[in-house]
Amino acid sequence: MSDLNTAMTAKYRNNFLKEVEANVEEGEWVKMCMQCGVCSGSCPLGKHWEHPPQEIFMMIRAGKRDDVLKSDSMWMCTSCYNCIVRCPRELPITHIMHGLANYAKRMGLAPKSQPTNQFSQLFWDNMMKKGRVNELKLGLSLYFKDGFGDGVKNAMANQQLGMNMMKAKRMAPMEIIGGHSLKDVSGFQKMIKKAHEIEDQNIQDFS
């Protein structure tokens, strides 16, 4: 009987499950999911998910690598933590979903048209230039991401919001010129580059 259990366990722990355990934050918890569905029922965006969390975990255990990493489901998570609070096994579901999204992006498989993915890339590119986020330029890049015409429409529709942000000193006109920056931008960029190199070296290949 022990030999049979060993064989079944080996089959259950497919390559993709091992890949997730090795490369995704808190990925070792995936195998603990008992498919109760409490996470999906607790999520305020649950009905909009293509694959709710417990289904993502089931797909990982079934070895459906591309279906998981190309899904936009992980990008739907808003970090409300309802799923973690209510999970009967206390799985760190929010962390796993963000970890899967990050891993999918590193593997070049994240859906490029997914709005949250687009925003995260625009935010990152903005922050990497000077080590601080230029909120005005970030807002403009979001407005104009689909073209000049749509950008003008978005700007006009949100002009009152822009004025309110300026009054609250959350968006200064001078930020168009340059805005705030770190004292050692070059050092900051080198640090991030080194961190990426270390991450890439630590990725375990299961192909």
N, C-alpha and C. Protein backbone atom coordinates (compact mmCIF):
# COMPACT_ATOMS: atom_id res chain seq x y z
N MET A 1 0.83 -1.21 0.00
CA MET A 1 0.00 0.00 0.00
C MET A 1 0.87 1.25 0.00
N SER A 2 1.99 1.22 0.70
CA SER A 2 2.86 2.38 0.76
C SER A 2 3.45 2.69 -0.61
N ASP A 3 3.76 1.63 -1.39
CA ASP A 3 4.29 1.85 -2.74
C ASP A 3 3.25 2.53 -3.62
N LEU A 4 1.99 2.12 -3.47
CA LEU A 4 0.91 2.73 -4.25
C LEU A 4 0.75 4.19 -3.87
N ASN A 5 0.81 4.50 -2.59
CA ASN A 5 0.70 5.89 -2.13
C ASN A 5 1.84 6.74 -2.66
N THR A 6 3.02 6.16 -2.68
CA THR A 6 4.19 6.88 -3.20
C THR A 6 4.02 7.19 -4.68
N ALA A 7 3.52 6.20 -5.44
CA ALA A 7 3.32 6.39 -6.88
C ALA A 7 2.26 7.44 -7.14
N MET A 8 1.18 7.41 -6.35
CA MET A 8 0.10 8.38 -6.53
C MET A 8 0.57 9.78 -6.17
N THR A 9 1.38 9.88 -5.11
CA THR A 9 1.91 11.18 -4.69
C THR A 9 2.83 11.75 -5.75
N ALA A 10 3.67 10.91 -6.35
CA ALA A 10 4.58 11.35 -7.40
C ALA A 10 3.81 11.87 -8.60
N LYS A 11 2.72 11.20 -8.95
CA LYS A 11 1.90 11.64 -10.07
C LYS A 11 1.20 12.96 -9.74
N TYR A 12 0.75 13.06 -8.49
CA TYR A 12 0.05 14.27 -8.03
C TYR A 12 0.98 15.47 -8.07
N ARG A 13 2.23 15.28 -7.68
CA ARG A 13 3.20 16.38 -7.67
C ARG A 13 3.82 16.49 -9.06
N ASN A 14 3.02 16.98 -10.02
CA ASN A 14 3.50 17.13 -11.39
C ASN A 14 4.55 18.24 -11.48
N ASN A 15 5.17 18.36 -12.62
CA ASN A 15 6.24 19.34 -12.80
C ASN A 15 5.78 20.77 -12.55
N PHE A 16 4.58 21.11 -12.99
CA PHE A 16 4.13 22.49 -12.81
C PHE A 16 3.89 22.81 -11.35
N LEU A 17 3.35 21.87 -10.60
CA LEU A 17 3.18 22.09 -9.16
C LEU A 17 4.55 22.32 -8.51
N LYS A 18 5.52 21.53 -8.88
CA LYS A 18 6.87 21.71 -8.34
C LYS A 18 7.45 23.07 -8.75
N GLU A 19 7.17 23.47 -9.99
CA GLU A 19 7.64 24.77 -10.49
C GLU A 19 7.04 25.91 -9.67
N VAL A 20 5.75 25.81 -9.40
CA VAL A 20 5.07 26.83 -8.60
C VAL A 20 5.63 26.84 -7.17
N GLU A 21 5.83 25.68 -6.59
CA GLU A 21 6.37 25.60 -5.24
C GLU A 21 7.75 26.24 -5.15
N ALA A 22 8.54 26.09 -6.22
CA ALA A 22 9.92 26.57 -6.21
C ALA A 22 10.04 28.05 -6.57
N ASN A 23 9.13 28.57 -7.40
CA ASN A 23 9.33 29.89 -7.98
C ASN A 23 8.28 30.94 -7.63
N VAL A 24 7.18 30.54 -7.02
CA VAL A 24 6.08 31.46 -6.73
C VAL A 24 5.99 31.68 -5.22
N GLU A 25 5.85 32.94 -4.84
CA GLU A 25 5.72 33.26 -3.41
C GLU A 25 4.61 32.43 -2.77
N GLU A 26 4.92 31.74 -1.67
CA GLU A 26 3.99 30.91 -0.91
C GLU A 26 3.42 29.76 -1.76
N GLY A 27 4.08 29.43 -2.87
CA GLY A 27 3.57 28.41 -3.78
C GLY A 27 3.45 27.03 -3.17
N GLU A 28 4.22 26.78 -2.11
CA GLU A 28 4.17 25.46 -1.47
C GLU A 28 2.82 25.18 -0.80
N TRP A 29 1.99 26.24 -0.65
CA TRP A 29 0.68 26.07 -0.01
C TRP A 29 -0.39 25.57 -0.98
N VAL A 30 -0.13 25.62 -2.28
CA VAL A 30 -1.16 25.28 -3.27
C VAL A 30 -1.72 23.88 -3.02
N LYS A 31 -0.86 22.94 -2.70
CA LYS A 31 -1.30 21.56 -2.53
C LYS A 31 -2.21 21.37 -1.31
N MET A 32 -2.29 22.38 -0.46
CA MET A 32 -3.12 22.28 0.74
C MET A 32 -4.58 22.66 0.50
N CYS A 33 -4.88 23.21 -0.68
CA CYS A 33 -6.26 23.63 -0.99
C CYS A 33 -7.18 22.41 -1.04
N MET A 34 -8.32 22.47 -0.33
CA MET A 34 -9.25 21.35 -0.31
C MET A 34 -10.49 21.62 -1.18
N GLN A 35 -10.42 22.68 -2.02
CA GLN A 35 -11.46 22.96 -3.02
C GLN A 35 -12.83 23.23 -2.39
N CYS A 36 -12.85 23.93 -1.27
CA CYS A 36 -14.14 24.23 -0.62
C CYS A 36 -14.85 25.39 -1.29
N GLY A 37 -14.11 26.28 -1.95
CA GLY A 37 -14.71 27.41 -2.66
C GLY A 37 -15.01 28.62 -1.80
N VAL A 38 -14.61 28.60 -0.54
CA VAL A 38 -14.88 29.74 0.35
C VAL A 38 -14.18 31.00 -0.17
N CYS A 39 -12.98 30.84 -0.73
CA CYS A 39 -12.24 32.00 -1.25
C CYS A 39 -13.02 32.70 -2.36
N SER A 40 -13.59 31.91 -3.27
CA SER A 40 -14.34 32.50 -4.38
C SER A 40 -15.61 33.17 -3.90
N GLY A 41 -16.27 32.52 -2.94
CA GLY A 41 -17.50 33.09 -2.39
C GLY A 41 -17.25 34.34 -1.57
N SER A 42 -16.03 34.50 -1.07
CA SER A 42 -15.69 35.65 -0.24
C SER A 42 -15.17 36.83 -1.04
N CYS A 43 -14.79 36.59 -2.29
CA CYS A 43 -14.16 37.62 -3.11
C CYS A 43 -15.20 38.59 -3.68
N PRO A 44 -15.02 39.89 -3.48
CA PRO A 44 -15.99 40.87 -4.02
C PRO A 44 -16.04 40.88 -5.54
N LEU A 45 -14.99 40.37 -6.19
CA LEU A 45 -14.97 40.30 -7.65
C LEU A 45 -15.13 38.86 -8.15
N GLY A 46 -15.54 37.96 -7.25
CA GLY A 46 -15.59 36.54 -7.57
C GLY A 46 -16.31 36.20 -8.86
N LYS A 47 -17.44 36.82 -9.12
CA LYS A 47 -18.24 36.47 -10.30
C LYS A 47 -17.58 36.92 -11.60
N HIS A 48 -16.57 37.77 -11.50
CA HIS A 48 -15.91 38.28 -12.70
C HIS A 48 -14.64 37.50 -13.06
N TRP A 49 -14.24 36.57 -12.19
CA TRP A 49 -13.02 35.81 -12.43
C TRP A 49 -13.25 34.75 -13.50
N GLU A 50 -12.32 34.63 -14.41
CA GLU A 50 -12.37 33.52 -15.38
C GLU A 50 -12.14 32.21 -14.64
N HIS A 51 -11.13 32.23 -13.74
CA HIS A 51 -10.83 31.06 -12.93
C HIS A 51 -10.66 31.53 -11.48
N PRO A 52 -11.59 31.22 -10.59
CA PRO A 52 -11.44 31.63 -9.18
C PRO A 52 -10.24 30.92 -8.55
N PRO A 53 -9.78 31.40 -7.40
CA PRO A 53 -8.55 30.87 -6.81
C PRO A 53 -8.50 29.35 -6.68
N GLN A 54 -9.57 28.74 -6.14
CA GLN A 54 -9.49 27.30 -5.94
C GLN A 54 -9.40 26.55 -7.27
N GLU A 55 -9.97 27.15 -8.33
CA GLU A 55 -9.86 26.54 -9.66
C GLU A 55 -8.44 26.69 -10.20
N ILE A 56 -7.81 27.85 -9.94
CA ILE A 56 -6.41 28.04 -10.33
C ILE A 56 -5.54 26.99 -9.65
N PHE A 57 -5.78 26.75 -8.36
CA PHE A 57 -4.98 25.77 -7.62
C PHE A 57 -5.20 24.36 -8.18
N MET A 58 -6.45 24.05 -8.55
CA MET A 58 -6.74 22.75 -9.14
C MET A 58 -6.03 22.59 -10.48
N MET A 59 -6.02 23.67 -11.27
CA MET A 59 -5.35 23.64 -12.58
C MET A 59 -3.84 23.46 -12.42
N ILE A 60 -3.27 24.08 -11.38
CA ILE A 60 -1.84 23.91 -11.12
C ILE A 60 -1.55 22.44 -10.83
N ARG A 61 -2.38 21.84 -9.99
CA ARG A 61 -2.18 20.45 -9.62
C ARG A 61 -2.47 19.51 -10.79
N ALA A 62 -3.21 19.99 -11.78
CA ALA A 62 -3.47 19.18 -12.98
C ALA A 62 -2.40 19.40 -14.04
N GLY A 63 -1.44 20.29 -13.76
CA GLY A 63 -0.34 20.51 -14.69
C GLY A 63 -0.65 21.43 -15.86
N LYS A 64 -1.71 22.24 -15.76
CA LYS A 64 -2.11 23.11 -16.86
C LYS A 64 -1.34 24.43 -16.81
N ARG A 65 -0.07 24.36 -17.14
CA ARG A 65 0.84 25.49 -16.97
C ARG A 65 0.42 26.72 -17.77
N ASP A 66 0.25 26.56 -19.08
CA ASP A 66 -0.08 27.71 -19.93
C ASP A 66 -1.44 28.30 -19.58
N ASP A 67 -2.42 27.43 -19.30
CA ASP A 67 -3.75 27.91 -18.95
C ASP A 67 -3.71 28.78 -17.69
N VAL A 68 -2.86 28.42 -16.75
CA VAL A 68 -2.75 29.19 -15.51
C VAL A 68 -1.99 30.49 -15.73
N LEU A 69 -0.79 30.39 -16.30
CA LEU A 69 0.07 31.57 -16.42
C LEU A 69 -0.46 32.59 -17.45
N LYS A 70 -1.28 32.16 -18.40
CA LYS A 70 -1.85 33.07 -19.38
C LYS A 70 -3.22 33.60 -18.95
N SER A 71 -3.72 33.11 -17.83
CA SER A 71 -5.02 33.57 -17.33
C SER A 71 -4.91 34.99 -16.79
N ASP A 72 -6.02 35.73 -16.88
CA ASP A 72 -6.02 37.09 -16.31
C ASP A 72 -6.55 37.08 -14.88
N SER A 73 -6.85 35.88 -14.36
CA SER A 73 -7.49 35.78 -13.05
C SER A 73 -6.63 36.36 -11.93
N MET A 74 -5.32 36.05 -11.94
CA MET A 74 -4.45 36.54 -10.86
C MET A 74 -4.41 38.06 -10.80
N TRP A 75 -4.64 38.68 -11.95
CA TRP A 75 -4.58 40.14 -12.04
C TRP A 75 -5.86 40.80 -11.53
N MET A 76 -6.87 39.99 -11.21
CA MET A 76 -8.13 40.52 -10.70
C MET A 76 -8.08 40.76 -9.19
N CYS A 77 -7.08 40.21 -8.52
CA CYS A 77 -7.01 40.31 -7.06
C CYS A 77 -6.76 41.74 -6.61
N THR A 78 -7.59 42.23 -5.69
CA THR A 78 -7.45 43.60 -5.18
C THR A 78 -6.83 43.66 -3.79
N SER A 79 -6.36 42.52 -3.30
CA SER A 79 -5.71 42.44 -1.98
C SER A 79 -6.64 42.83 -0.84
N CYS A 80 -7.89 42.41 -0.91
CA CYS A 80 -8.82 42.71 0.19
C CYS A 80 -8.63 41.74 1.36
N TYR A 81 -8.01 40.59 1.08
CA TYR A 81 -7.67 39.58 2.09
C TYR A 81 -8.87 38.85 2.69
N ASN A 82 -10.06 39.01 2.10
CA ASN A 82 -11.22 38.24 2.57
C ASN A 82 -10.96 36.74 2.48
N CYS A 83 -10.30 36.34 1.39
CA CYS A 83 -10.05 34.91 1.17
C CYS A 83 -9.15 34.33 2.26
N ILE A 84 -8.11 35.07 2.63
CA ILE A 84 -7.18 34.58 3.66
C ILE A 84 -7.88 34.47 5.01
N VAL A 85 -8.66 35.49 5.33
CA VAL A 85 -9.35 35.51 6.63
C VAL A 85 -10.32 34.34 6.76
N ARG A 86 -10.97 33.97 5.66
CA ARG A 86 -12.03 32.97 5.73
C ARG A 86 -11.60 31.56 5.32
N CYS A 87 -10.41 31.41 4.79
CA CYS A 87 -9.95 30.09 4.36
C CYS A 87 -9.84 29.16 5.56
N PRO A 88 -10.52 28.01 5.56
CA PRO A 88 -10.47 27.11 6.71
C PRO A 88 -9.08 26.52 6.95
N ARG A 89 -8.23 26.55 5.94
CA ARG A 89 -6.87 26.04 6.10
C ARG A 89 -5.84 27.17 6.17
N GLU A 90 -6.33 28.39 6.20
CA GLU A 90 -5.49 29.58 6.36
C GLU A 90 -4.41 29.68 5.28
N LEU A 91 -4.78 29.35 4.06
CA LEU A 91 -3.84 29.48 2.95
C LEU A 91 -3.60 30.96 2.64
N PRO A 92 -2.37 31.36 2.33
CA PRO A 92 -2.08 32.75 1.96
C PRO A 92 -2.46 33.02 0.50
N ILE A 93 -3.75 32.95 0.23
CA ILE A 93 -4.25 32.96 -1.15
C ILE A 93 -3.87 34.25 -1.89
N THR A 94 -4.04 35.39 -1.23
CA THR A 94 -3.70 36.67 -1.86
C THR A 94 -2.24 36.69 -2.30
N HIS A 95 -1.35 36.22 -1.44
CA HIS A 95 0.08 36.22 -1.76
C HIS A 95 0.37 35.28 -2.93
N ILE A 96 -0.31 34.13 -2.96
CA ILE A 96 -0.10 33.18 -4.05
C ILE A 96 -0.56 33.78 -5.38
N MET A 97 -1.71 34.44 -5.38
CA MET A 97 -2.24 35.01 -6.61
C MET A 97 -1.31 36.10 -7.15
N HIS A 98 -0.82 36.96 -6.26
CA HIS A 98 0.13 37.99 -6.70
C HIS A 98 1.44 37.35 -7.14
N GLY A 99 1.85 36.30 -6.45
CA GLY A 99 3.06 35.60 -6.83
C GLY A 99 2.94 34.97 -8.21
N LEU A 100 1.79 34.40 -8.51
CA LEU A 100 1.55 33.81 -9.83
C LEU A 100 1.56 34.88 -10.92
N ALA A 101 0.94 36.03 -10.62
CA ALA A 101 0.93 37.14 -11.58
C ALA A 101 2.35 37.60 -11.88
N ASN A 102 3.13 37.76 -10.83
CA ASN A 102 4.52 38.20 -10.99
C ASN A 102 5.33 37.18 -11.77
N TYR A 103 5.13 35.91 -11.47
CA TYR A 103 5.87 34.84 -12.17
C TYR A 103 5.47 34.78 -13.64
N ALA A 104 4.16 34.91 -13.91
CA ALA A 104 3.69 34.90 -15.30
C ALA A 104 4.32 36.04 -16.09
N LYS A 105 4.45 37.19 -15.46
CA LYS A 105 5.06 38.35 -16.12
C LYS A 105 6.54 38.09 -16.39
N ARG A 106 7.24 37.52 -15.43
CA ARG A 106 8.65 37.21 -15.61
C ARG A 106 8.87 36.19 -16.72
N MET A 107 7.90 35.27 -16.88
CA MET A 107 7.98 34.25 -17.93
C MET A 107 7.50 34.75 -19.28
N GLY A 108 7.00 36.00 -19.32
CA GLY A 108 6.50 36.56 -20.58
C GLY A 108 5.17 36.00 -21.01
N LEU A 109 4.37 35.48 -20.07
CA LEU A 109 3.11 34.84 -20.40
C LEU A 109 1.89 35.63 -19.91
N ALA A 110 2.10 36.69 -19.17
CA ALA A 110 0.97 37.47 -18.65
C ALA A 110 0.22 38.14 -19.79
N PRO A 111 -1.12 38.17 -19.73
CA PRO A 111 -1.92 38.80 -20.79
C PRO A 111 -1.64 40.30 -20.88
N LYS A 112 -1.09 40.73 -22.01
CA LYS A 112 -0.68 42.13 -22.15
C LYS A 112 -1.85 43.10 -22.16
N SER A 113 -3.02 42.64 -22.57
CA SER A 113 -4.17 43.55 -22.65
C SER A 113 -4.92 43.67 -21.32
N GLN A 114 -4.51 42.92 -20.31
CA GLN A 114 -5.19 42.97 -19.02
C GLN A 114 -4.92 44.33 -18.37
N PRO A 115 -5.97 45.09 -17.99
CA PRO A 115 -5.78 46.45 -17.47
C PRO A 115 -4.83 46.55 -16.27
N THR A 116 -4.92 45.61 -15.32
CA THR A 116 -4.05 45.68 -14.15
C THR A 116 -2.61 45.44 -14.54
N ASN A 117 -2.39 44.54 -15.48
CA ASN A 117 -1.04 44.28 -15.99
C ASN A 117 -0.50 45.53 -16.67
N GLN A 118 -1.34 46.19 -17.47
CA GLN A 118 -0.93 47.43 -18.14
C GLN A 118 -0.57 48.50 -17.13
N PHE A 119 -1.42 48.66 -16.11
CA PHE A 119 -1.16 49.69 -15.10
C PHE A 119 0.13 49.40 -14.35
N SER A 120 0.35 48.14 -13.98
CA SER A 120 1.55 47.80 -13.21
C SER A 120 2.81 48.10 -14.01
N GLN A 121 2.75 47.88 -15.35
CA GLN A 121 3.91 48.17 -16.18
C GLN A 121 4.14 49.67 -16.30
N LEU A 122 3.07 50.43 -16.48
CA LEU A 122 3.19 51.89 -16.56
C LEU A 122 3.71 52.46 -15.25
N PHE A 123 3.21 51.93 -14.13
CA PHE A 123 3.65 52.38 -12.81
C PHE A 123 5.14 52.09 -12.63
N TRP A 124 5.54 50.87 -13.00
CA TRP A 124 6.94 50.47 -12.85
C TRP A 124 7.87 51.33 -13.70
N ASP A 125 7.49 51.52 -14.97
CA ASP A 125 8.32 52.33 -15.87
C ASP A 125 8.46 53.76 -15.35
N ASN A 126 7.36 54.30 -14.83
CA ASN A 126 7.35 55.65 -14.28
C ASN A 126 8.28 55.75 -13.07
N MET A 127 8.17 54.79 -12.17
CA MET A 127 8.95 54.81 -10.93
C MET A 127 10.44 54.58 -11.19
N MET A 128 10.77 53.77 -12.20
CA MET A 128 12.17 53.44 -12.46
C MET A 128 12.97 54.61 -13.01
N LYS A 129 12.30 55.60 -13.59
CA LYS A 129 13.03 56.72 -14.19
C LYS A 129 13.76 57.55 -13.14
N LYS A 130 13.11 57.83 -12.01
CA LYS A 130 13.72 58.69 -11.00
C LYS A 130 13.61 58.15 -9.58
N GLY A 131 13.12 56.91 -9.46
CA GLY A 131 13.02 56.31 -8.15
C GLY A 131 11.79 56.72 -7.37
N ARG A 132 11.01 57.63 -7.92
CA ARG A 132 9.75 58.07 -7.31
C ARG A 132 8.69 58.15 -8.40
N VAL A 133 7.46 57.93 -8.00
CA VAL A 133 6.37 57.99 -8.98
C VAL A 133 5.98 59.43 -9.25
N ASN A 134 5.99 59.82 -10.51
CA ASN A 134 5.50 61.12 -10.94
C ASN A 134 4.01 60.94 -11.26
N GLU A 135 3.15 61.34 -10.33
CA GLU A 135 1.72 61.05 -10.45
C GLU A 135 1.08 61.70 -11.66
N LEU A 136 1.53 62.89 -12.02
CA LEU A 136 0.96 63.57 -13.18
C LEU A 136 1.28 62.81 -14.46
N LYS A 137 2.55 62.42 -14.61
CA LYS A 137 2.94 61.69 -15.82
C LYS A 137 2.31 60.29 -15.85
N LEU A 138 2.14 59.69 -14.67
CA LEU A 138 1.48 58.39 -14.61
C LEU A 138 0.03 58.50 -15.07
N GLY A 139 -0.66 59.54 -14.57
CA GLY A 139 -2.04 59.76 -14.99
C GLY A 139 -2.16 60.00 -16.48
N LEU A 140 -1.25 60.81 -17.02
CA LEU A 140 -1.29 61.10 -18.46
C LEU A 140 -1.01 59.85 -19.29
N SER A 141 -0.07 59.03 -18.81
CA SER A 141 0.25 57.81 -19.56
C SER A 141 -0.94 56.85 -19.56
N LEU A 142 -1.72 56.84 -18.47
CA LEU A 142 -2.92 56.02 -18.43
C LEU A 142 -4.00 56.56 -19.37
N TYR A 143 -4.15 57.88 -19.37
CA TYR A 143 -5.15 58.49 -20.24
C TYR A 143 -4.86 58.21 -21.71
N PHE A 144 -3.60 58.26 -22.08
CA PHE A 144 -3.23 58.19 -23.50
C PHE A 144 -2.72 56.82 -23.94
N LYS A 145 -2.89 55.80 -23.10
CA LYS A 145 -2.36 54.48 -23.44
C LYS A 145 -3.04 53.86 -24.66
N ASP A 146 -4.28 54.29 -24.96
CA ASP A 146 -5.01 53.75 -26.11
C ASP A 146 -5.06 54.72 -27.29
N GLY A 147 -4.21 55.76 -27.27
CA GLY A 147 -4.17 56.70 -28.39
C GLY A 147 -4.51 58.12 -27.99
N PHE A 148 -4.16 59.05 -28.87
CA PHE A 148 -4.33 60.48 -28.57
C PHE A 148 -5.80 60.85 -28.39
N GLY A 149 -6.66 60.36 -29.27
CA GLY A 149 -8.08 60.71 -29.20
C GLY A 149 -8.71 60.29 -27.89
N ASP A 150 -8.48 59.04 -27.51
CA ASP A 150 -9.02 58.55 -26.24
C ASP A 150 -8.40 59.29 -25.06
N GLY A 151 -7.14 59.67 -25.20
CA GLY A 151 -6.46 60.40 -24.14
C GLY A 151 -7.11 61.74 -23.86
N VAL A 152 -7.44 62.46 -24.92
CA VAL A 152 -8.10 63.77 -24.77
C VAL A 152 -9.47 63.59 -24.12
N LYS A 153 -10.22 62.57 -24.56
CA LYS A 153 -11.54 62.32 -23.98
C LYS A 153 -11.42 61.99 -22.49
N ASN A 154 -10.45 61.16 -22.15
CA ASN A 154 -10.26 60.79 -20.74
C ASN A 154 -9.87 62.00 -19.90
N ALA A 155 -8.99 62.84 -20.45
CA ALA A 155 -8.53 64.02 -19.72
C ALA A 155 -9.68 64.99 -19.48
N MET A 156 -10.52 65.20 -20.49
CA MET A 156 -11.65 66.11 -20.35
C MET A 156 -12.67 65.57 -19.34
N ALA A 157 -12.88 64.25 -19.37
CA ALA A 157 -13.86 63.65 -18.46
C ALA A 157 -13.41 63.71 -17.01
N ASN A 158 -12.09 63.79 -16.80
CA ASN A 158 -11.55 63.76 -15.43
C ASN A 158 -10.88 65.07 -15.03
N GLN A 159 -11.21 66.16 -15.72
CA GLN A 159 -10.55 67.42 -15.43
C GLN A 159 -10.82 67.92 -14.01
N GLN A 160 -12.03 67.67 -13.50
CA GLN A 160 -12.33 68.09 -12.13
C GLN A 160 -11.49 67.32 -11.12
N LEU A 161 -11.30 66.03 -11.39
CA LEU A 161 -10.46 65.21 -10.52
C LEU A 161 -9.03 65.75 -10.51
N GLY A 162 -8.55 66.15 -11.69
CA GLY A 162 -7.20 66.71 -11.79
C GLY A 162 -7.07 68.01 -11.00
N MET A 163 -8.09 68.85 -11.10
CA MET A 163 -8.07 70.12 -10.36
C MET A 163 -8.06 69.87 -8.85
N ASN A 164 -8.86 68.90 -8.42
CA ASN A 164 -8.90 68.57 -6.99
C ASN A 164 -7.56 68.04 -6.50
N MET A 165 -6.89 67.25 -7.33
CA MET A 165 -5.57 66.72 -6.96
C MET A 165 -4.55 67.85 -6.86
N MET A 166 -4.64 68.82 -7.76
CA MET A 166 -3.73 69.97 -7.71
C MET A 166 -3.96 70.79 -6.44
N LYS A 167 -5.23 70.99 -6.09
CA LYS A 167 -5.54 71.75 -4.88
C LYS A 167 -5.01 71.05 -3.63
N ALA A 168 -5.05 69.72 -3.66
CA ALA A 168 -4.56 68.94 -2.53
C ALA A 168 -3.04 68.72 -2.60
N LYS A 169 -2.41 69.33 -3.62
CA LYS A 169 -0.96 69.22 -3.83
C LYS A 169 -0.51 67.78 -4.05
N ARG A 170 -1.40 67.00 -4.69
CA ARG A 170 -1.06 65.63 -5.05
C ARG A 170 -0.60 65.55 -6.50
N MET A 171 -0.72 66.64 -7.23
CA MET A 171 -0.32 66.64 -8.63
C MET A 171 0.07 68.07 -9.01
N ALA A 172 1.35 68.35 -8.96
CA ALA A 172 1.83 69.71 -9.24
C ALA A 172 2.20 69.85 -10.72
N PRO A 173 1.83 71.01 -11.33
CA PRO A 173 2.18 71.23 -12.75
C PRO A 173 3.67 71.08 -13.02
N MET A 174 4.52 71.43 -12.05
CA MET A 174 5.96 71.35 -12.26
C MET A 174 6.45 69.92 -12.48
N GLU A 175 5.58 68.93 -12.13
CA GLU A 175 5.98 67.54 -12.31
C GLU A 175 6.13 67.18 -13.78
N ILE A 176 5.49 67.94 -14.66
CA ILE A 176 5.66 67.71 -16.10
C ILE A 176 7.11 67.94 -16.49
N ILE A 177 7.72 68.95 -15.88
CA ILE A 177 9.12 69.27 -16.19
C ILE A 177 10.07 68.22 -15.66
N GLY A 178 9.85 67.80 -14.43
CA GLY A 178 10.76 66.82 -13.87
C GLY A 178 10.19 66.08 -12.69
N GLY A 179 9.80 66.81 -11.69
CA GLY A 179 9.26 66.20 -10.49
C GLY A 179 10.37 65.76 -9.54
N HIS A 180 9.98 65.17 -8.45
CA HIS A 180 10.94 64.74 -7.44
C HIS A 180 11.69 63.50 -7.89
N SER A 181 12.90 63.35 -7.39
CA SER A 181 13.69 62.17 -7.72
C SER A 181 14.58 61.80 -6.54
N LEU A 182 15.06 60.59 -6.54
CA LEU A 182 16.02 60.18 -5.53
C LEU A 182 17.35 60.90 -5.75
N LYS A 183 18.16 60.99 -4.71
CA LYS A 183 19.46 61.63 -4.86
C LYS A 183 20.39 60.78 -5.73
N ASP A 184 20.29 59.46 -5.58
CA ASP A 184 21.16 58.57 -6.34
C ASP A 184 20.31 57.66 -7.21
N VAL A 185 19.79 58.21 -8.31
CA VAL A 185 18.93 57.44 -9.21
C VAL A 185 19.71 56.30 -9.85
N SER A 186 20.94 56.58 -10.25
CA SER A 186 21.76 55.56 -10.88
C SER A 186 21.99 54.38 -9.94
N GLY A 187 22.27 54.67 -8.67
CA GLY A 187 22.48 53.61 -7.69
C GLY A 187 21.22 52.79 -7.48
N PHE A 188 20.08 53.47 -7.46
CA PHE A 188 18.79 52.79 -7.30
C PHE A 188 18.54 51.84 -8.47
N GLN A 189 18.78 52.32 -9.69
CA GLN A 189 18.55 51.50 -10.87
C GLN A 189 19.48 50.30 -10.91
N LYS A 190 20.73 50.50 -10.48
CA LYS A 190 21.68 49.37 -10.43
C LYS A 190 21.24 48.33 -9.41
N MET A 191 20.70 48.80 -8.29
CA MET A 191 20.22 47.89 -7.24
C MET A 191 19.08 47.02 -7.76
N ILE A 192 18.11 47.65 -8.47
CA ILE A 192 16.98 46.92 -9.02
C ILE A 192 17.45 45.93 -10.08
N LYS A 193 18.40 46.35 -10.92
CA LYS A 193 18.93 45.46 -11.95
C LYS A 193 19.58 44.24 -11.33
N LYS A 194 20.34 44.46 -10.25
CA LYS A 194 20.99 43.34 -9.56
C LYS A 194 19.96 42.40 -8.94
N ALA A 195 18.90 42.97 -8.38
CA ALA A 195 17.84 42.15 -7.80
C ALA A 195 17.19 41.27 -8.86
N HIS A 196 16.98 41.83 -10.05
CA HIS A 196 16.41 41.04 -11.15
C HIS A 196 17.35 39.92 -11.57
N GLU A 197 18.64 40.21 -11.59
CA GLU A 197 19.62 39.19 -11.96
C GLU A 197 19.60 38.04 -10.96
N ILE A 198 19.50 38.38 -9.68
CA ILE A 198 19.46 37.35 -8.63
C ILE A 198 18.18 36.52 -8.76
N GLU A 199 17.05 37.20 -9.03
CA GLU A 199 15.79 36.49 -9.22
C GLU A 199 15.88 35.52 -10.39
N ASP A 200 16.44 35.98 -11.51
CA ASP A 200 16.56 35.14 -12.69
C ASP A 200 17.45 33.93 -12.42
N GLN A 201 18.52 34.13 -11.65
CA GLN A 201 19.41 33.03 -11.32
C GLN A 201 18.73 32.00 -10.43
N ASN A 202 17.80 32.46 -9.60
CA ASN A 202 17.15 31.56 -8.65
C ASN A 202 15.94 30.83 -9.23
N ILE A 203 15.51 31.22 -10.43
CA ILE A 203 14.39 30.52 -11.04
C ILE A 203 14.81 29.11 -11.41
N GLN A 204 14.04 28.14 -10.94
CA GLN A 204 14.34 26.76 -11.24
C GLN A 204 13.57 26.32 -12.47
N ASP A 205 14.28 25.75 -13.43
CA ASP A 205 13.69 25.35 -14.71
C ASP A 205 13.10 23.95 -14.60
N PHE A 206 11.81 23.81 -14.94
CA PHE A 206 11.15 22.51 -14.88
C PHE A 206 10.68 22.07 -16.26
N SER A 207 11.25 22.69 -17.32
CA SER A 207 10.82 22.33 -18.67
C SER A 207 11.37 20.99 -19.08
